[in-house]
Every structure is written in structure tokens, then in C-alpha cells.
Protein backbone atom coordinates (compact mmCIF):
# COMPACT_ATOMS: atom_id res chain seq x y z
CA MET A 1 -39.99 34.99 -1.35
CA ASP A 2 -37.27 33.40 0.60
CA ALA A 3 -33.99 35.67 0.85
CA ASN A 4 -31.63 32.78 -0.09
CA VAL A 5 -33.93 32.02 -3.15
CA THR A 6 -33.89 35.47 -4.73
CA SER A 7 -30.06 36.29 -3.78
CA GLY A 8 -29.06 33.87 -6.00
CA ALA A 9 -27.59 32.05 -3.30
CA PRO A 10 -27.61 28.05 -3.20
CA TYR A 11 -30.72 27.10 -1.48
CA SER A 12 -30.81 23.51 0.34
CA GLU A 13 -33.26 21.81 2.91
CA PRO A 14 -31.98 19.88 5.71
CA SER A 15 -33.90 16.80 4.40
CA GLY A 16 -32.22 17.32 0.93
CA VAL A 17 -28.73 17.03 2.71
CA LEU A 18 -29.68 13.97 4.28
CA ALA A 19 -31.11 12.25 1.05
CA THR A 20 -27.71 13.12 -0.42
CA THR A 21 -25.81 11.65 2.15
CA THR A 22 -27.89 8.43 1.84
CA GLY A 23 -27.15 8.35 -1.93
CA VAL A 24 -23.68 9.06 -1.34
CA LEU A 25 -23.59 6.29 1.49
CA GLY A 26 -25.54 3.91 -1.02
CA LEU A 27 -22.94 4.43 -3.61
CA LEU A 28 -20.01 3.98 -1.55
CA LEU A 29 -21.44 0.60 0.01
CA GLY A 30 -22.05 -0.45 -3.77
CA ALA A 31 -18.61 0.32 -4.70
CA SER A 32 -17.19 -1.42 -1.63
CA ASN A 33 -19.01 -4.50 -2.66
CA LEU A 34 -17.61 -4.10 -6.38
CA VAL A 35 -14.02 -4.10 -4.64
CA GLY A 36 -14.78 -7.17 -2.47
CA ALA A 37 -16.00 -8.94 -5.54
CA VAL A 38 -12.87 -8.00 -7.63
CA MET A 39 -10.54 -8.68 -4.70
CA LEU A 40 -12.07 -12.35 -4.18
CA LEU A 41 -11.89 -13.34 -7.69
CA ASN A 42 -8.50 -12.09 -7.83
CA ALA A 43 -7.27 -14.31 -5.11
CA PHE A 44 -9.49 -17.20 -6.23
CA ARG A 45 -7.69 -16.88 -9.73
CA GLY A 46 -4.21 -16.87 -8.18
CA ALA A 47 -4.87 -20.04 -5.92
CA PRO A 48 -8.09 -21.81 -6.73
CA SER A 49 -7.42 -24.79 -4.34
CA LYS A 50 -7.01 -22.52 -1.28
CA TYR A 51 -10.87 -21.12 -1.68
CA ASP A 52 -14.24 -22.88 -1.04
CA ASN A 53 -15.44 -23.08 -4.63
CA SER A 54 -19.23 -22.61 -3.85
CA LEU A 55 -18.93 -19.90 -1.20
CA THR A 56 -16.46 -18.04 -3.80
CA ILE A 57 -19.06 -18.18 -6.39
CA PHE A 58 -21.93 -17.44 -4.10
CA ALA A 59 -20.26 -14.50 -2.30
CA THR A 60 -18.89 -13.08 -5.86
CA LEU A 61 -22.48 -13.30 -7.12
CA GLY A 62 -24.12 -12.10 -4.07
CA ALA A 63 -21.63 -8.98 -4.05
CA LEU A 64 -22.31 -7.91 -7.63
CA LEU A 65 -26.02 -8.07 -6.83
CA LEU A 66 -25.92 -6.04 -3.92
CA ALA A 67 -23.64 -3.81 -5.72
CA ALA A 68 -25.83 -3.40 -8.62
CA ALA A 69 -28.85 -2.88 -6.27
CA LEU A 70 -27.01 -0.50 -4.14
CA ILE A 71 -25.47 1.78 -7.03
CA TYR A 72 -29.05 1.64 -8.92
CA GLY A 73 -31.07 2.60 -5.90
CA ALA A 74 -28.64 5.44 -5.03
CA ILE A 75 -29.09 6.73 -8.36
CA LEU A 76 -32.96 6.71 -8.18
CA LEU A 77 -32.70 8.46 -4.66
CA LEU A 78 -31.07 10.98 -5.82
CA ARG A 79 -33.39 11.51 -8.75
CA ARG A 80 -36.21 11.66 -6.19
CA ASP A 81 -37.64 8.15 -6.82
CA GLU A 82 -39.27 6.39 -3.81
CA THR A 83 -38.24 2.89 -5.49
CA GLY A 84 -34.47 3.81 -4.67
CA ARG A 85 -34.97 4.52 -1.36
CA TYR A 86 -36.67 1.06 -0.63
CA MET A 87 -33.86 -0.65 -2.67
CA LEU A 88 -31.38 0.86 -0.16
CA ILE A 89 -33.57 0.05 2.84
CA VAL A 90 -33.49 -3.77 1.68
CA ALA A 91 -29.99 -4.05 0.41
CA SER A 92 -28.44 -2.21 3.43
CA GLY A 93 -30.67 -4.26 5.96
CA LEU A 94 -29.42 -7.60 4.10
CA MET A 95 -25.83 -6.39 4.88
CA ILE A 96 -26.85 -5.69 8.14
CA VAL A 97 -27.88 -9.14 8.98
CA ILE A 98 -25.14 -10.96 7.58
CA ALA A 99 -22.57 -8.68 9.61
CA LEU A 100 -25.12 -9.49 12.60
CA ALA A 101 -24.64 -13.03 12.16
CA ALA A 102 -20.61 -12.50 12.05
CA LEU A 103 -20.71 -10.64 15.30
CA ALA A 104 -22.94 -13.19 17.09
CA CYS A 105 -20.85 -16.19 15.90
CA ALA A 106 -17.86 -14.60 16.93
CA LEU A 107 -19.39 -13.37 20.34
CA THR A 108 -20.85 -16.93 21.09
CA GLY A 109 -17.76 -18.84 19.85
CA TYR A 110 -19.80 -20.53 17.18
CA GLY A 111 -17.68 -22.16 14.43
CA SER A 112 -18.33 -24.43 11.18
CA SER A 113 -17.16 -27.72 11.44
CA TYR A 114 -16.93 -27.52 7.62
CA GLY A 115 -13.42 -26.34 7.47
CA ILE A 116 -14.31 -23.68 4.95
CA HIS A 117 -11.38 -22.54 2.76
CA TRP A 118 -11.25 -18.69 2.79
CA PHE A 119 -8.70 -15.71 3.11
CA GLN A 120 -5.92 -16.41 5.20
CA GLU A 121 -6.67 -15.02 8.87
CA GLY A 122 -4.51 -12.14 9.48
CA ARG A 123 -4.24 -9.57 12.49
CA ARG A 124 -7.46 -8.48 13.80
CA SER A 125 -6.99 -4.76 12.29
CA SER A 126 -6.45 -6.47 8.71
CA ASP A 127 -9.63 -8.34 9.17
CA ALA A 128 -11.21 -5.36 10.25
CA VAL A 129 -10.10 -3.61 7.47
CA LYS A 130 -11.18 -6.45 4.81
CA SER A 131 -14.55 -6.52 6.49
CA THR A 132 -15.24 -2.86 5.21
CA PHE A 133 -15.60 -4.71 1.39
CA GLY A 134 -19.20 -5.35 1.45
CA LEU A 135 -20.43 -8.73 1.58
CA VAL A 136 -17.37 -10.34 1.09
CA GLY A 137 -15.98 -8.77 4.09
CA SER A 138 -18.87 -9.62 5.93
CA LEU A 139 -18.38 -13.39 5.25
CA THR A 140 -14.57 -13.00 6.00
CA ALA A 141 -15.86 -11.71 9.61
CA LEU A 142 -18.02 -14.64 9.69
CA VAL A 143 -15.57 -17.25 8.64
CA HIS A 144 -12.60 -15.93 10.91
CA GLN A 145 -15.08 -15.28 13.79
CA ASP A 146 -13.76 -11.97 14.51
CA TRP A 147 -15.84 -9.47 16.60
CA LEU A 148 -14.43 -6.34 15.66
CA ALA A 149 -14.33 -7.27 11.75
CA GLY A 150 -18.16 -8.04 12.38
CA LEU A 151 -18.64 -4.67 14.12
CA THR A 152 -16.78 -2.71 11.44
CA ALA A 153 -18.87 -4.70 8.65
CA MET A 154 -22.09 -3.25 9.99
CA ILE A 155 -21.22 0.53 10.03
CA THR A 156 -21.73 1.78 6.74
CA PRO A 157 -24.69 -0.33 6.06
CA LEU A 158 -26.35 0.56 9.36
CA LEU A 159 -25.83 4.50 8.21
CA THR A 160 -27.26 3.83 5.06
CA PHE A 161 -30.19 2.15 6.42
CA LEU A 162 -31.01 4.54 8.97
CA THR A 163 -30.40 7.61 6.71
CA ALA A 164 -32.85 6.00 3.79
CA ALA A 165 -35.14 4.82 6.34
CA SER A 166 -35.53 8.33 7.85
CA GLY A 167 -38.59 10.44 7.49
CA TYR A 168 -36.49 13.34 6.32
CA THR A 169 -35.66 11.28 3.11
CA ALA A 170 -39.22 10.06 2.66
CA ARG A 171 -40.28 13.83 2.78
CA TRP A 172 -37.49 15.12 0.67
CA ILE A 173 -38.72 12.65 -1.91
CA ALA A 174 -42.24 13.45 -1.84
CA ALA A 175 -41.88 17.26 -2.17
CA PRO A 176 -41.23 18.65 -5.50
CA PRO A 177 -37.94 20.12 -6.08
CA ALA A 178 -37.34 24.00 -5.14
CA ARG A 179 -37.25 25.92 -8.27
CA ARG A 180 -35.44 28.96 -8.37
CA PRO A 181 -36.51 31.98 -10.51
CA ILE A 182 -33.72 32.05 -13.67
CA GLN A 183 -32.29 35.59 -13.90
CA LEU A 184 -30.71 36.43 -17.12
CA LEU A 185 -29.57 40.03 -16.13
CA ASP A 186 -28.77 41.69 -12.73
CA ASP A 187 -31.59 44.31 -12.53
CA THR A 188 -29.36 46.44 -9.93
CA ALA A 189 -26.95 47.31 -12.45
CA TYR A 190 -29.01 49.57 -14.41
């Protein structure tokens, strides 16, 4: 037997640490989508005429759906269910695509001719902070055409995607959980 298993010291596999990190990143990304949706709803409730109605509705529903998928996927992943891993890959991949679109629009100078009413454009640093609030943050970077916000919006989804798609995470899910023997009494005391 392994020395760590018999000594009672906690035993962890490198792939288990990566999978746990993936689950935590998925939970954080889901929570950031919830915060973004609440932030948008509060701003819309305060001044509905300042915001585009349809974009607000779709951004809020999308953020809530992404939050549900990411949180549920992270819980399933931590329970060693392969479905959770795939949910995290798809949801974070979708967020990466939206952040890439925001970054591409900012770098090419593409602007919508529709005159979308959205959050007031602030300093570059405040838009970069807002971009961490999930889908709502990515859409803010897209509307404001801010390359730093688009780049910032991509960090957590990219980390989540890469760790969920990792072969180590897949192996951790496929392997049975390590079982430690139960020690009721310490044999060396007698």
C-alpha cells in the first residue's frame, strides 16, 4: 500500500486537484453570471428608458441560463459525472466566443449603427471590472468596444474551458475514487 494511505495523511492525485480547480472555476463563473444578471436587472429597474429592452431581457435570461448550467455542471463534475465536464466545456466555450466577438469588434473598430442603450461607458478600468460579470460583462465590452474589457472577459471562461477539457480531468472522472481503509483504533498505542 501507499505510505500516504496507511498513515492517515490526506491523499490527493494531481488530476483530482485539477478537477477540483475546474469545479471551483465553474462555480465562480456561474456566480459571476448571477451577479451580472442581478446588476443588470437593478440598473434596468432604476431607469428602464436608459436600456435597450430586448438586449436586457436576452442578456438576463442568457446569464441566468449560463449560471444554472455552470453551477450544475460544476456540481456534477465534483461528483465525478462526465456530464458536468461537458456542460462546463460547452458553457465556458460559449462565453469565450462572445468575449472573442467583443475583442474582435474592439480591435477592428466595428460599431453597431443601432444606437444600443446600455451601461454608461466608464473608464477603461471600470469597464474591465464590469467585464468579469459573465455574459453581461462580455456584452458590455461588446457594446463599448473596449479591447481590455473583451480580453478580461475571456480569462475565467478560458481557464475553465482548458481545465475541463484536460485529459487529467477526464481521467479523474473515469478512475474510481481512492478509498482509504477505516482505522477505528490506533494499533501502535497498545
